[in-house]
């Protein structure tokens, strides 16, 4: 049995197209100093092959990979 289910910080199961909210301010590396604030809504996420990461497009950053420990399902 493999545990490849992607879950948010609260244990809710995430799927492609879900919306999530950041639970912590995150500095985006390589973006020229962009910081994503806590409470930022991220819409239409995409799952990666890794259950600990999701891919998303946010404001000025495209193709951003977020750790699931920093998001909760909206």
PDB file of N, CA and C in Angstrom:
ATOM      1  N   UNK A   1       0.839  -1.191   0.000  1.00  0.00           N
ATOM      2  CA  UNK A   1       0.000   0.000   0.000  1.00  0.00           C
ATOM      3  C   UNK A   1       0.877   1.245   0.000  1.00  0.00           C
ATOM      4  N   UNK A   2       0.697   2.122  -0.963  1.00  0.00           N
ATOM      5  CA  UNK A   2       1.485   3.345  -1.020  1.00  0.00           C
ATOM      6  C   UNK A   2       0.641   4.522  -0.554  1.00  0.00           C
ATOM      7  N   UNK A   3       1.304   5.484   0.091  1.00  0.00           N
ATOM      8  CA  UNK A   3       0.595   6.641   0.635  1.00  0.00           C
ATOM      9  C   UNK A   3       0.889   7.865  -0.237  1.00  0.00           C
ATOM     10  N   UNK A   4       0.424   7.829  -1.491  1.00  0.00           N
ATOM     11  CA  UNK A   4       0.693   8.907  -2.436  1.00  0.00           C
ATOM     12  C   UNK A   4      -0.432   9.940  -2.466  1.00  0.00           C
ATOM     13  N   UNK A   5      -1.226  10.015  -1.415  1.00  0.00           N
ATOM     14  CA  UNK A   5      -2.314  10.988  -1.347  1.00  0.00           C
ATOM     15  C   UNK A   5      -1.730  12.316  -0.886  1.00  0.00           C
ATOM     16  N   UNK A   6      -2.044  13.399  -1.615  1.00  0.00           N
ATOM     17  CA  UNK A   6      -1.550  14.721  -1.265  1.00  0.00           C
ATOM     18  C   UNK A   6      -2.506  15.359  -0.270  1.00  0.00           C
ATOM     19  N   UNK A   7      -1.961  15.743   0.902  1.00  0.00           N
ATOM     20  CA  UNK A   7      -2.786  16.341   1.957  1.00  0.00           C
ATOM     21  C   UNK A   7      -2.227  17.697   2.357  1.00  0.00           C
ATOM     22  N   UNK A   8      -3.122  18.601   2.812  1.00  0.00           N
ATOM     23  CA  UNK A   8      -2.681  19.908   3.285  1.00  0.00           C
ATOM     24  C   UNK A   8      -2.196  19.802   4.733  1.00  0.00           C
ATOM     25  N   UNK A   9      -1.890  20.938   5.357  1.00  0.00           N
ATOM     26  CA  UNK A   9      -1.347  20.947   6.706  1.00  0.00           C
ATOM     27  C   UNK A   9      -2.329  20.409   7.743  1.00  0.00           C
ATOM     28  N   UNK A  10      -3.623  20.426   7.441  1.00  0.00           N
ATOM     29  CA  UNK A  10      -4.640  19.930   8.376  1.00  0.00           C
ATOM     30  C   UNK A  10      -5.059  18.500   8.081  1.00  0.00           C
ATOM     31  N   UNK A  11      -4.476  17.883   7.050  1.00  0.00           N
ATOM     32  CA  UNK A  11      -4.798  16.500   6.718  1.00  0.00           C
ATOM     33  C   UNK A  11      -5.915  16.338   5.710  1.00  0.00           C
ATOM     34  N   UNK A  12      -6.423  17.457   5.138  1.00  0.00           N
ATOM     35  CA  UNK A  12      -7.454  17.372   4.104  1.00  0.00           C
ATOM     36  C   UNK A  12      -6.820  16.945   2.786  1.00  0.00           C
ATOM     37  N   UNK A  13      -7.505  16.094   2.053  1.00  0.00           N
ATOM     38  CA  UNK A  13      -6.980  15.594   0.777  1.00  0.00           C
ATOM     39  C   UNK A  13      -7.124  16.677  -0.300  1.00  0.00           C
ATOM     40  N   UNK A  14      -6.040  16.921  -1.026  1.00  0.00           N
ATOM     41  CA  UNK A  14      -6.026  17.912  -2.110  1.00  0.00           C
ATOM     42  C   UNK A  14      -6.108  17.199  -3.448  1.00  0.00           C
ATOM     43  N   UNK A  15      -6.748  17.857  -4.423  1.00  0.00           N
ATOM     44  CA  UNK A  15      -6.806  17.320  -5.778  1.00  0.00           C
ATOM     45  C   UNK A  15      -6.590  18.449  -6.775  1.00  0.00           C
ATOM     46  N   UNK A  16      -6.346  18.085  -8.035  1.00  0.00           N
ATOM     47  CA  UNK A  16      -6.133  19.088  -9.081  1.00  0.00           C
ATOM     48  C   UNK A  16      -7.312  20.058  -9.139  1.00  0.00           C
ATOM     49  N   UNK A  17      -7.005  21.362  -9.242  1.00  0.00           N
ATOM     50  CA  UNK A  17      -8.045  22.367  -9.381  1.00  0.00           C
ATOM     51  C   UNK A  17      -8.542  22.934  -8.072  1.00  0.00           C
ATOM     52  N   UNK A  18      -8.110  22.393  -6.939  1.00  0.00           N
ATOM     53  CA  UNK A  18      -8.523  22.932  -5.638  1.00  0.00           C
ATOM     54  C   UNK A  18      -7.930  24.318  -5.411  1.00  0.00           C
ATOM     55  N   UNK A  19      -8.505  25.038  -4.454  1.00  0.00           N
ATOM     56  CA  UNK A  19      -7.951  26.311  -3.994  1.00  0.00           C
ATOM     57  C   UNK A  19      -7.404  26.111  -2.589  1.00  0.00           C
ATOM     58  N   UNK A  20      -6.261  26.729  -2.322  1.00  0.00           N
ATOM     59  CA  UNK A  20      -5.648  26.633  -1.002  1.00  0.00           C
ATOM     60  C   UNK A  20      -5.287  28.027  -0.506  1.00  0.00           C
ATOM     61  N   UNK A  21      -5.078  28.145   0.799  1.00  0.00           N
ATOM     62  CA  UNK A  21      -4.685  29.388   1.441  1.00  0.00           C
ATOM     63  C   UNK A  21      -3.354  29.162   2.144  1.00  0.00           C
ATOM     64  N   UNK A  22      -2.448  30.150   2.065  1.00  0.00           N
ATOM     65  CA  UNK A  22      -1.161  30.025   2.741  1.00  0.00           C
ATOM     66  C   UNK A  22      -1.348  30.238   4.240  1.00  0.00           C
ATOM     67  N   UNK A  23      -0.636  29.461   5.053  1.00  0.00           N
ATOM     68  CA  UNK A  23      -0.742  29.601   6.499  1.00  0.00           C
ATOM     69  C   UNK A  23       0.492  30.280   7.086  1.00  0.00           C
ATOM     70  N   UNK A  24       1.413  30.710   6.227  1.00  0.00           N
ATOM     71  CA  UNK A  24       2.655  31.319   6.687  1.00  0.00           C
ATOM     72  C   UNK A  24       3.175  32.234   5.588  1.00  0.00           C
ATOM     73  N   UNK A  25       3.831  33.349   5.962  1.00  0.00           N
ATOM     74  CA  UNK A  25       4.493  34.190   4.971  1.00  0.00           C
ATOM     75  C   UNK A  25       5.644  33.409   4.357  1.00  0.00           C
ATOM     76  N   UNK A  26       5.720  33.409   3.017  1.00  0.00           N
ATOM     77  CA  UNK A  26       6.766  32.661   2.337  1.00  0.00           C
ATOM     78  C   UNK A  26       7.554  33.578   1.410  1.00  0.00           C
ATOM     79  N   UNK A  27       8.879  33.559   1.539  1.00  0.00           N
ATOM     80  CA  UNK A  27       9.744  34.280   0.612  1.00  0.00           C
ATOM     81  C   UNK A  27       9.988  33.374  -0.573  1.00  0.00           C
ATOM     82  N   UNK A  28       9.803  33.908  -1.782  1.00  0.00           N
ATOM     83  CA  UNK A  28       9.977  33.110  -2.991  1.00  0.00           C
ATOM     84  C   UNK A  28      11.402  33.303  -3.494  1.00  0.00           C
ATOM     85  N   UNK A  29      12.164  32.215  -3.507  1.00  0.00           N
ATOM     86  CA  UNK A  29      13.556  32.288  -3.954  1.00  0.00           C
ATOM     87  C   UNK A  29      13.613  32.523  -5.463  1.00  0.00           C
ATOM     88  N   UNK A  30      14.549  33.358  -5.891  1.00  0.00           N
ATOM     89  CA  UNK A  30      14.764  33.589  -7.311  1.00  0.00           C
ATOM     90  C   UNK A  30      13.716  34.461  -7.968  1.00  0.00           C
ATOM     91  N   UNK A  31      12.935  35.185  -7.170  1.00  0.00           N
ATOM     92  CA  UNK A  31      11.863  36.002  -7.737  1.00  0.00           C
ATOM     93  C   UNK A  31      12.103  37.492  -7.549  1.00  0.00           C
ATOM     94  N   UNK A  32      13.288  37.845  -7.097  1.00  0.00           N
ATOM     95  CA  UNK A  32      13.577  39.251  -6.891  1.00  0.00           C
ATOM     96  C   UNK A  32      12.953  39.804  -5.621  1.00  0.00           C
ATOM     97  N   UNK A  33      12.802  38.982  -4.611  1.00  0.00           N
ATOM     98  CA  UNK A  33      12.321  39.467  -3.318  1.00  0.00           C
ATOM     99  C   UNK A  33      10.823  39.447  -3.115  1.00  0.00           C
ATOM    100  N   UNK A  34      10.089  38.652  -3.882  1.00  0.00           N
ATOM    101  CA  UNK A  34       8.640  38.551  -3.704  1.00  0.00           C
ATOM    102  C   UNK A  34       8.355  37.723  -2.447  1.00  0.00           C
ATOM    103  N   UNK A  35       7.464  38.234  -1.593  1.00  0.00           N
ATOM    104  CA  UNK A  35       7.020  37.492  -0.416  1.00  0.00           C
ATOM    105  C   UNK A  35       5.524  37.271  -0.519  1.00  0.00           C
ATOM    106  N   UNK A  36       5.103  36.022  -0.397  1.00  0.00           N
ATOM    107  CA  UNK A  36       3.681  35.704  -0.401  1.00  0.00           C
ATOM    108  C   UNK A  36       3.194  35.749   1.040  1.00  0.00           C
ATOM    109  N   UNK A  37       2.174  36.544   1.296  1.00  0.00           N
ATOM    110  CA  UNK A  37       1.686  36.766   2.653  1.00  0.00           C
ATOM    111  C   UNK A  37       0.754  35.650   3.114  1.00  0.00           C
ATOM    112  N   UNK A  38       0.724  35.444   4.422  1.00  0.00           N
ATOM    113  CA  UNK A  38      -0.204  34.484   5.014  1.00  0.00           C
ATOM    114  C   UNK A  38      -1.626  34.891   4.662  1.00  0.00           C
ATOM    115  N   UNK A  39      -2.449  33.927   4.311  1.00  0.00           N
ATOM    116  CA  UNK A  39      -3.826  34.209   3.932  1.00  0.00           C
ATOM    117  C   UNK A  39      -4.028  34.382   2.439  1.00  0.00           C
ATOM    118  N   UNK A  40      -2.943  34.381   1.658  1.00  0.00           N
ATOM    119  CA  UNK A  40      -3.049  34.506   0.205  1.00  0.00           C
ATOM    120  C   UNK A  40      -3.766  33.285  -0.365  1.00  0.00           C
ATOM    121  N   UNK A  41      -4.779  33.540  -1.192  1.00  0.00           N
ATOM    122  CA  UNK A  41      -5.535  32.458  -1.829  1.00  0.00           C
ATOM    123  C   UNK A  41      -4.817  32.046  -3.112  1.00  0.00           C
ATOM    124  N   UNK A  42      -4.592  30.751  -3.248  1.00  0.00           N
ATOM    125  CA  UNK A  42      -3.980  30.186  -4.444  1.00  0.00           C
ATOM    126  C   UNK A  42      -5.026  29.299  -5.093  1.00  0.00           C
ATOM    127  N   UNK A  43      -5.440  29.662  -6.310  1.00  0.00           N
ATOM    128  CA  UNK A  43      -6.503  28.927  -6.990  1.00  0.00           C
ATOM    129  C   UNK A  43      -5.942  27.980  -8.035  1.00  0.00           C
ATOM    130  N   UNK A  44      -6.707  26.939  -8.323  1.00  0.00           N
ATOM    131  CA  UNK A  44      -6.415  26.013  -9.407  1.00  0.00           C
ATOM    132  C   UNK A  44      -5.025  25.387  -9.285  1.00  0.00           C
ATOM    133  N   UNK A  45      -4.767  24.715  -8.173  1.00  0.00           N
ATOM    134  CA  UNK A  45      -3.477  24.057  -7.982  1.00  0.00           C
ATOM    135  C   UNK A  45      -3.374  22.814  -8.855  1.00  0.00           C
ATOM    136  N   UNK A  46      -2.137  22.368  -9.069  1.00  0.00           N
ATOM    137  CA  UNK A  46      -1.875  21.132  -9.790  1.00  0.00           C
ATOM    138  C   UNK A  46      -1.017  20.245  -8.902  1.00  0.00           C
ATOM    139  N   UNK A  47      -1.338  18.968  -8.882  1.00  0.00           N
ATOM    140  CA  UNK A  47      -0.555  18.032  -8.093  1.00  0.00           C
ATOM    141  C   UNK A  47       0.695  17.635  -8.859  1.00  0.00           C
ATOM    142  N   UNK A  48       1.776  17.435  -8.139  1.00  0.00           N
ATOM    143  CA  UNK A  48       3.007  16.912  -8.735  1.00  0.00           C
ATOM    144  C   UNK A  48       3.069  15.438  -8.365  1.00  0.00           C
ATOM    145  N   UNK A  49       4.081  14.753  -8.773  1.00  0.00           N
ATOM    146  CA  UNK A  49       4.228  13.355  -8.402  1.00  0.00           C
ATOM    147  C   UNK A  49       4.582  13.178  -6.928  1.00  0.00           C
ATOM    148  N   UNK A  50       5.010  14.259  -6.285  1.00  0.00           N
ATOM    149  CA  UNK A  50       5.433  14.231  -4.890  1.00  0.00           C
ATOM    150  C   UNK A  50       4.269  14.620  -3.982  1.00  0.00           C
ATOM    151  N   UNK A  51       3.876  13.761  -3.025  1.00  0.00           N
ATOM    152  CA  UNK A  51       2.740  14.097  -2.155  1.00  0.00           C
ATOM    153  C   UNK A  51       3.011  15.268  -1.212  1.00  0.00           C
ATOM    154  N   UNK A  52       4.266  15.732  -1.113  1.00  0.00           N
ATOM    155  CA  UNK A  52       4.590  16.860  -0.241  1.00  0.00           C
ATOM    156  C   UNK A  52       4.640  18.195  -0.983  1.00  0.00           C
ATOM    157  N   UNK A  53       4.366  18.194  -2.304  1.00  0.00           N
ATOM    158  CA  UNK A  53       4.467  19.432  -3.083  1.00  0.00           C
ATOM    159  C   UNK A  53       3.286  19.593  -4.030  1.00  0.00           C
ATOM    160  N   UNK A  54       2.893  20.863  -4.235  1.00  0.00           N
ATOM    161  CA  UNK A  54       1.884  21.197  -5.239  1.00  0.00           C
ATOM    162  C   UNK A  54       2.449  22.297  -6.121  1.00  0.00           C
ATOM    163  N   UNK A  55       1.904  22.429  -7.316  1.00  0.00           N
ATOM    164  CA  UNK A  55       2.344  23.469  -8.240  1.00  0.00           C
ATOM    165  C   UNK A  55       1.208  24.470  -8.406  1.00  0.00           C
ATOM    166  N   UNK A  56       1.576  25.763  -8.496  1.00  0.00           N
ATOM    167  CA  UNK A  56       0.549  26.798  -8.582  1.00  0.00           C
ATOM    168  C   UNK A  56       1.088  28.027  -9.289  1.00  0.00           C
ATOM    169  N   UNK A  57       0.155  28.849  -9.767  1.00  0.00           N
ATOM    170  CA  UNK A  57       0.493  30.159 -10.309  1.00  0.00           C
ATOM    171  C   UNK A  57      -0.055  31.198  -9.341  1.00  0.00           C
ATOM    172  N   UNK A  58       0.829  32.112  -8.895  1.00  0.00           N
ATOM    173  CA  UNK A  58       0.442  33.140  -7.936  1.00  0.00           C
ATOM    174  C   UNK A  58       0.900  34.480  -8.467  1.00  0.00           C
ATOM    175  N   UNK A  59       0.032  35.478  -8.377  1.00  0.00           N
ATOM    176  CA  UNK A  59       0.329  36.863  -8.750  1.00  0.00           C
ATOM    177  C   UNK A  59       1.452  37.003  -9.778  1.00  0.00           C
ATOM    178  N   UNK A  60       2.671  37.304  -9.300  1.00  0.00           N
ATOM    179  CA  UNK A  60       3.789  37.575 -10.199  1.00  0.00           C
ATOM    180  C   UNK A  60       4.628  36.342 -10.492  1.00  0.00           C
ATOM    181  N   UNK A  61       4.320  35.221  -9.852  1.00  0.00           N
ATOM    182  CA  UNK A  61       5.158  34.026  -9.966  1.00  0.00           C
ATOM    183  C   UNK A  61       4.381  32.909 -10.652  1.00  0.00           C
ATOM    184  N   UNK A  62       4.902  32.407 -11.755  1.00  0.00           N
ATOM    185  CA  UNK A  62       4.270  31.317 -12.495  1.00  0.00           C
ATOM    186  C   UNK A  62       5.056  30.032 -12.261  1.00  0.00           C
ATOM    187  N   UNK A  63       4.353  28.903 -12.180  1.00  0.00           N
ATOM    188  CA  UNK A  63       5.015  27.616 -12.006  1.00  0.00           C
ATOM    189  C   UNK A  63       5.665  27.459 -10.649  1.00  0.00           C
ATOM    190  N   UNK A  64       5.067  28.058  -9.626  1.00  0.00           N
ATOM    191  CA  UNK A  64       5.605  28.004  -8.271  1.00  0.00           C
ATOM    192  C   UNK A  64       5.296  26.648  -7.645  1.00  0.00           C
ATOM    193  N   UNK A  65       6.282  26.060  -6.988  1.00  0.00           N
ATOM    194  CA  UNK A  65       6.075  24.806  -6.274  1.00  0.00           C
ATOM    195  C   UNK A  65       6.002  25.118  -4.788  1.00  0.00           C
ATOM    196  N   UNK A  66       4.886  24.733  -4.162  1.00  0.00           N
ATOM    197  CA  UNK A  66       4.665  24.991  -2.743  1.00  0.00           C
ATOM    198  C   UNK A  66       4.684  23.688  -1.959  1.00  0.00           C
ATOM    199  N   UNK A  67       5.246  23.724  -0.760  1.00  0.00           N
ATOM    200  CA  UNK A  67       5.209  22.580   0.133  1.00  0.00           C
ATOM    201  C   UNK A  67       3.803  22.522   0.754  1.00  0.00           C
ATOM    202  N   UNK A  68       3.243  21.339   0.844  1.00  0.00           N
ATOM    203  CA  UNK A  68       1.884  21.190   1.364  1.00  0.00           C
ATOM    204  C   UNK A  68       1.803  21.521   2.860  1.00  0.00           C
ATOM    205  N   UNK A  69       2.913  21.518   3.561  1.00  0.00           N
ATOM    206  CA  UNK A  69       2.892  21.851   4.987  1.00  0.00           C
ATOM    207  C   UNK A  69       2.588  23.331   5.231  1.00  0.00           C
ATOM    208  N   UNK A  70       2.639  24.167   4.190  1.00  0.00           N
ATOM    209  CA  UNK A  70       2.397  25.602   4.328  1.00  0.00           C
ATOM    210  C   UNK A  70       1.044  26.046   3.775  1.00  0.00           C
ATOM    211  N   UNK A  71       0.176  25.110   3.392  1.00  0.00           N
ATOM    212  CA  UNK A  71      -1.126  25.471   2.831  1.00  0.00           C
ATOM    213  C   UNK A  71      -2.245  24.721   3.541  1.00  0.00           C
ATOM    214  N   UNK A  72      -3.438  25.335   3.489  1.00  0.00           N
ATOM    215  CA  UNK A  72      -4.641  24.631   3.950  1.00  0.00           C
ATOM    216  C   UNK A  72      -5.712  24.785   2.883  1.00  0.00           C
ATOM    217  N   UNK A  73      -6.561  23.794   2.775  1.00  0.00           N
ATOM    218  CA  UNK A  73      -7.607  23.802   1.758  1.00  0.00           C
ATOM    219  C   UNK A  73      -8.590  24.939   2.038  1.00  0.00           C
ATOM    220  N   UNK A  74      -8.956  25.659   0.985  1.00  0.00           N
ATOM    221  CA  UNK A  74      -9.860  26.794   1.143  1.00  0.00           C
ATOM    222  C   UNK A  74     -11.309  26.345   1.089  1.00  0.00           C
TER     223      UNK A  74
END
